[in-house]
């Protein structure tokens, strides 16, 4: 009986402590619970914080995200739906809307959310990336246009390079899977996706040197592609003994020497400049 009484007192003390805190402090506490994957406690504290500041967008977004982590999509929807109509809704709100409707298999509504989000935030690389993934999932190969728009709109967002590299790897293209893959691994160096793209890159280089005529089936109307293939074809002799770490290092080094001798001014490339610096 004494133990039960002690536990009840402890719970009351915690409850009083929580109620005594302001919304900002509660939000920070909830974030710590989220980091620990303790989503039940995170929801409890976020709801307390939201009761103190019902219009706090950041708290509402974290609550929606926590419901997503708990796979509690009905409650997530009750939070996200009004957020999508708010004038101060940011790109992250539309991301939450998109992943919610994908989770409940409402593709049409997800597409509507992404289109509305991109109309409001045309520079959001994340929205382009996720909208492209939605299109790709339903075998709509115009997805690549969204990823390339995302690269143009927000060049420092890595997700679109990842998706574009994978797309081109599965196509007949031999150039852009390498270009986008190289950029991606330099931007995101230590993730699971990096391991995947490194393997993709190695195989892409093997595919590149398989045909004696590298231009076969390629977009030769694109001047950059032509210049890239012309410089790579000069390295075919090195590749004849196989694509290994040593031969690939030599191929890329000699490619850079040739590129900066002739093509760098016409086709400036931050990737090649960085590789040259290295």
Protein backbone atom coordinates (compact mmCIF):
# COMPACT_ATOMS: atom_id res chain seq x y z
CA UNK A 1 0.00 0.00 0.00
CA UNK A 2 2.83 2.36 0.93
CA UNK A 3 4.55 1.60 -2.46
CA UNK A 4 1.33 2.38 -4.39
CA UNK A 5 0.95 5.65 -2.48
CA UNK A 6 4.58 6.59 -3.25
CA UNK A 7 4.11 5.87 -6.98
CA UNK A 8 0.93 7.95 -7.10
CA UNK A 9 2.72 10.84 -5.43
CA UNK A 10 5.54 10.58 -7.98
CA UNK A 11 3.08 10.70 -10.88
CA UNK A 12 1.35 13.72 -9.34
CA UNK A 13 4.68 15.49 -8.95
CA UNK A 14 5.55 14.81 -12.63
CA UNK A 15 2.11 16.07 -13.66
CA UNK A 16 2.54 19.27 -11.64
CA UNK A 17 6.05 19.71 -13.09
CA UNK A 18 4.75 19.39 -16.64
CA UNK A 19 1.85 21.77 -16.04
CA UNK A 20 4.22 24.32 -14.52
CA UNK A 21 6.42 24.48 -17.64
CA UNK A 22 5.88 26.82 -20.58
CA UNK A 23 5.18 25.64 -24.12
CA UNK A 24 8.77 26.13 -25.28
CA UNK A 25 10.20 23.99 -22.48
CA UNK A 26 7.57 21.31 -23.07
CA UNK A 27 8.38 21.30 -26.76
CA UNK A 28 12.06 20.70 -26.02
CA UNK A 29 11.15 17.88 -23.65
CA UNK A 30 8.98 16.32 -26.35
CA UNK A 31 11.81 16.56 -28.89
CA UNK A 32 14.02 14.58 -26.55
CA UNK A 33 11.35 11.91 -26.30
CA UNK A 34 11.16 11.86 -30.11
CA UNK A 35 14.93 11.37 -30.37
CA UNK A 36 14.64 8.42 -28.01
CA UNK A 37 11.77 6.98 -30.13
CA UNK A 38 9.50 7.30 -27.08
CA UNK A 39 6.58 8.52 -29.17
CA UNK A 40 3.88 7.91 -26.58
CA UNK A 41 5.47 10.32 -24.12
CA UNK A 42 6.24 12.73 -26.97
CA UNK A 43 2.56 12.86 -27.90
CA UNK A 44 1.57 13.41 -24.27
CA UNK A 45 3.94 16.35 -23.81
CA UNK A 46 3.28 17.87 -27.26
CA UNK A 47 -0.45 17.93 -26.55
CA UNK A 48 0.26 19.70 -23.26
CA UNK A 49 2.40 22.25 -25.11
CA UNK A 50 -0.24 22.73 -27.79
CA UNK A 51 -2.88 23.35 -25.15
CA UNK A 52 -0.77 26.30 -23.96
CA UNK A 53 -0.09 27.60 -27.50
CA UNK A 54 -2.76 26.23 -29.87
CA UNK A 55 -1.46 28.21 -32.88
CA UNK A 56 2.18 27.13 -32.54
CA UNK A 57 3.04 25.73 -35.98
CA UNK A 58 6.30 24.05 -34.92
CA UNK A 59 4.62 22.11 -32.10
CA UNK A 60 1.77 21.05 -34.42
CA UNK A 61 4.24 19.78 -37.04
CA UNK A 62 6.12 17.73 -34.46
CA UNK A 63 2.86 16.29 -33.16
CA UNK A 64 1.85 15.28 -36.70
CA UNK A 65 5.28 13.74 -37.27
CA UNK A 66 5.08 11.81 -34.00
CA UNK A 67 1.68 10.40 -34.95
CA UNK A 68 3.26 9.34 -38.25
CA UNK A 69 6.05 7.54 -36.38
CA UNK A 70 3.38 5.78 -34.31
CA UNK A 71 1.48 4.90 -37.54
CA UNK A 72 -1.54 6.63 -36.01
CA UNK A 73 -2.74 8.09 -39.29
CA UNK A 74 -6.29 9.10 -38.24
CA UNK A 75 -4.90 11.35 -35.48
CA UNK A 76 -2.16 12.60 -37.79
CA UNK A 77 -4.84 13.62 -40.28
CA UNK A 78 -6.73 15.60 -37.65
CA UNK A 79 -3.55 17.61 -37.04
CA UNK A 80 -2.36 17.97 -40.65
CA UNK A 81 -5.66 18.87 -42.37
CA UNK A 82 -6.06 22.29 -40.68
CA UNK A 83 -2.33 22.98 -41.05
CA UNK A 84 -2.59 22.68 -44.84
CA UNK A 85 -5.10 25.55 -44.85
CA UNK A 86 -3.07 27.91 -42.69
CA UNK A 87 -1.57 30.99 -44.31
CA UNK A 88 1.69 30.44 -42.43
CA UNK A 89 2.02 26.80 -43.57
CA UNK A 90 5.61 26.13 -44.67
CA UNK A 91 7.07 23.53 -47.04
CA UNK A 92 7.38 21.01 -44.19
CA UNK A 93 3.60 21.11 -43.68
CA UNK A 94 3.07 20.05 -47.29
CA UNK A 95 5.67 17.31 -46.85
CA UNK A 96 3.69 16.01 -43.88
CA UNK A 97 0.50 16.16 -45.92
CA UNK A 98 2.14 14.25 -48.75
CA UNK A 99 3.50 11.44 -46.58
CA UNK A 100 0.19 11.19 -44.72
CA UNK A 101 -1.88 10.65 -47.88
CA UNK A 102 0.70 8.24 -49.27
CA UNK A 103 0.54 6.27 -46.02
CA UNK A 104 -3.25 5.90 -46.33
CA UNK A 105 -3.00 5.15 -50.09
CA UNK A 106 -4.78 8.33 -51.19
CA UNK A 107 -2.51 9.06 -54.17
CA UNK A 108 -4.78 11.72 -55.69
CA UNK A 109 -4.87 13.74 -52.48
CA UNK A 110 -1.10 13.34 -52.02
CA UNK A 111 -0.50 14.65 -55.55
CA UNK A 112 -2.83 17.58 -54.89
CA UNK A 113 -0.91 18.45 -51.72
CA UNK A 114 2.49 18.33 -53.47
CA UNK A 115 1.26 20.50 -56.36
CA UNK A 116 -0.17 23.06 -53.96
CA UNK A 117 3.04 23.00 -51.94
CA UNK A 118 5.25 23.52 -54.98
CA UNK A 119 3.06 26.36 -56.19
CA UNK A 120 3.67 28.11 -52.86
CA UNK A 121 7.27 26.94 -52.40
CA UNK A 122 8.79 26.49 -55.88
CA UNK A 123 12.31 26.39 -54.42
CA UNK A 124 11.74 23.43 -52.11
CA UNK A 125 14.01 20.57 -53.16
CA UNK A 126 12.34 18.24 -50.66
CA UNK A 127 8.88 18.73 -52.18
CA UNK A 128 10.18 18.04 -55.70
CA UNK A 129 11.95 14.93 -54.41
CA UNK A 130 8.90 13.51 -52.67
CA UNK A 131 6.50 14.40 -55.48
CA UNK A 132 8.83 12.62 -57.91
CA UNK A 133 8.87 9.56 -55.63
CA UNK A 134 5.06 9.56 -55.63
CA UNK A 135 5.00 9.63 -59.44
CA UNK A 136 7.69 6.94 -59.65
CA UNK A 137 5.69 4.66 -57.32
CA UNK A 138 2.78 4.74 -59.77
CA UNK A 139 5.13 4.13 -62.74
CA UNK A 140 4.84 7.69 -64.03
CA UNK A 141 8.32 8.26 -65.44
CA UNK A 142 7.83 12.01 -65.65
CA UNK A 143 9.16 11.74 -62.09
CA UNK A 144 12.61 12.60 -63.46
CA UNK A 145 11.35 16.06 -64.43
CA UNK A 146 10.45 16.74 -60.81
CA UNK A 147 13.86 15.61 -59.57
CA UNK A 148 15.70 17.71 -62.13
CA UNK A 149 13.52 20.71 -61.31
CA UNK A 150 14.43 20.11 -57.67
CA UNK A 151 18.15 20.06 -58.53
CA UNK A 152 17.75 23.36 -60.36
CA UNK A 153 15.60 24.96 -57.64
CA UNK A 154 17.66 23.84 -54.62
CA UNK A 155 21.08 22.52 -55.69
CA UNK A 156 22.19 21.86 -52.10
CA UNK A 157 19.42 19.33 -51.42
CA UNK A 158 20.87 15.83 -51.93
CA UNK A 159 17.67 13.81 -52.33
CA UNK A 160 17.01 14.80 -55.94
CA UNK A 161 20.52 13.74 -57.03
CA UNK A 162 19.92 10.38 -55.36
CA UNK A 163 16.64 9.81 -57.16
CA UNK A 164 17.93 11.08 -60.51
CA UNK A 165 21.05 8.85 -60.35
CA UNK A 166 18.88 5.78 -59.73
CA UNK A 167 16.49 6.74 -62.52
CA UNK A 168 19.22 7.15 -65.13
CA UNK A 169 20.99 4.00 -63.98
CA UNK A 170 17.86 2.03 -64.89
CA UNK A 171 17.68 3.73 -68.30
CA UNK A 172 19.96 3.45 -71.34
CA UNK A 173 21.76 6.63 -70.29
CA UNK A 174 25.44 6.23 -69.40
CA UNK A 175 26.27 9.79 -68.37
CA UNK A 176 23.79 11.23 -65.91
CA UNK A 177 23.78 8.28 -63.52
CA UNK A 178 27.52 8.98 -63.08
CA UNK A 179 27.20 12.77 -62.83
CA UNK A 180 24.31 12.76 -60.36
CA UNK A 181 25.77 9.81 -58.45
CA UNK A 182 29.15 11.54 -58.06
CA UNK A 183 27.49 14.71 -56.81
CA UNK A 184 25.33 12.78 -54.36
CA UNK A 185 28.17 10.86 -52.70
CA UNK A 186 30.06 14.10 -52.19
CA UNK A 187 27.02 15.70 -50.54
CA UNK A 188 25.85 12.75 -48.46
CA UNK A 189 28.92 10.72 -47.58
CA UNK A 190 27.92 8.51 -44.66
CA UNK A 191 24.40 7.16 -45.10
CA UNK A 192 22.83 3.90 -46.25
CA UNK A 193 21.93 5.63 -49.48
CA UNK A 194 25.61 6.45 -50.03
CA UNK A 195 26.54 2.76 -50.05
CA UNK A 196 23.81 2.11 -52.61
CA UNK A 197 24.94 4.93 -54.91
CA UNK A 198 28.62 3.98 -54.63
CA UNK A 199 27.74 0.51 -55.93
CA UNK A 200 25.59 2.09 -58.63
CA UNK A 201 28.49 4.33 -59.65
CA UNK A 202 30.93 1.45 -59.95
CA UNK A 203 28.51 -0.46 -62.15
CA UNK A 204 27.77 2.68 -64.19
CA UNK A 205 31.46 3.07 -65.02
CA UNK A 206 31.56 -0.58 -66.08
CA UNK A 207 28.55 -0.02 -68.36
CA UNK A 208 30.19 3.11 -69.78
CA UNK A 209 33.27 1.24 -70.98
CA UNK A 210 31.46 -1.91 -72.17
CA UNK A 211 30.67 -0.60 -75.68
CA UNK A 212 33.49 0.46 -77.98
CA UNK A 213 31.17 3.25 -79.16
CA UNK A 214 30.20 5.11 -75.99
CA UNK A 215 27.79 7.38 -77.88
CA UNK A 216 25.52 4.47 -78.80
CA UNK A 217 22.00 5.16 -77.51
CA UNK A 218 23.05 8.42 -75.83
CA UNK A 219 21.69 11.95 -76.09
CA UNK A 220 24.30 13.17 -78.56
CA UNK A 221 22.31 16.37 -79.19
CA UNK A 222 23.43 17.49 -75.75
CA UNK A 223 26.83 19.22 -76.13
CA UNK A 224 27.85 18.50 -72.52
CA UNK A 225 27.10 14.79 -72.95
CA UNK A 226 29.18 14.72 -76.15
CA UNK A 227 32.12 16.41 -74.42
CA UNK A 228 31.90 14.06 -71.43
CA UNK A 229 31.82 10.94 -73.63
CA UNK A 230 34.63 12.21 -75.88
CA UNK A 231 36.91 12.70 -72.88
CA UNK A 232 35.92 9.39 -71.29
CA UNK A 233 36.53 7.49 -74.55
CA UNK A 234 40.18 8.59 -74.39
CA UNK A 235 40.50 6.53 -71.21
CA UNK A 236 39.25 3.27 -72.78
CA UNK A 237 42.77 1.83 -72.81
CA UNK A 238 43.00 2.08 -69.02
CA UNK A 239 39.63 0.37 -68.64
CA UNK A 240 40.65 -2.55 -70.86
CA UNK A 241 42.16 -4.36 -67.86
CA UNK A 242 38.94 -3.94 -65.87
CA UNK A 243 37.34 -1.32 -63.63
CA UNK A 244 39.11 -1.46 -60.28
CA UNK A 245 39.86 1.13 -57.62
CA UNK A 246 43.25 1.79 -59.20
CA UNK A 247 42.08 1.97 -62.82
CA UNK A 248 39.05 4.10 -61.93
CA UNK A 249 41.26 6.56 -60.03
CA UNK A 250 43.50 6.85 -63.07
CA UNK A 251 40.54 7.21 -65.46
CA UNK A 252 39.00 10.03 -63.44
CA UNK A 253 42.35 11.80 -62.99
CA UNK A 254 43.16 11.74 -66.70
CA UNK A 255 39.57 12.74 -67.52
CA UNK A 256 39.97 15.87 -65.38
CA UNK A 257 43.27 16.78 -67.02
CA UNK A 258 41.69 16.52 -70.48
CA UNK A 259 38.49 18.30 -69.40
CA UNK A 260 40.26 21.33 -67.96
CA UNK A 261 42.51 21.57 -70.98
CA UNK A 262 39.65 21.92 -73.43
CA UNK A 263 36.07 21.90 -72.08
CA UNK A 264 35.99 23.51 -68.63
CA UNK A 265 35.34 27.06 -69.85
CA UNK A 266 32.53 25.99 -72.15
CA UNK A 267 30.92 23.64 -69.62
CA UNK A 268 31.68 24.85 -66.08
CA UNK A 269 31.02 22.10 -63.56
CA UNK A 270 31.24 22.47 -59.78
CA UNK A 271 31.64 18.69 -59.52
CA UNK A 272 34.68 18.59 -61.77
CA UNK A 273 36.18 21.66 -60.09
CA UNK A 274 35.83 19.98 -56.70
CA UNK A 275 37.35 16.73 -57.98
CA UNK A 276 40.23 18.70 -59.49
CA UNK A 277 40.76 20.40 -56.12
CA UNK A 278 40.87 17.02 -54.40
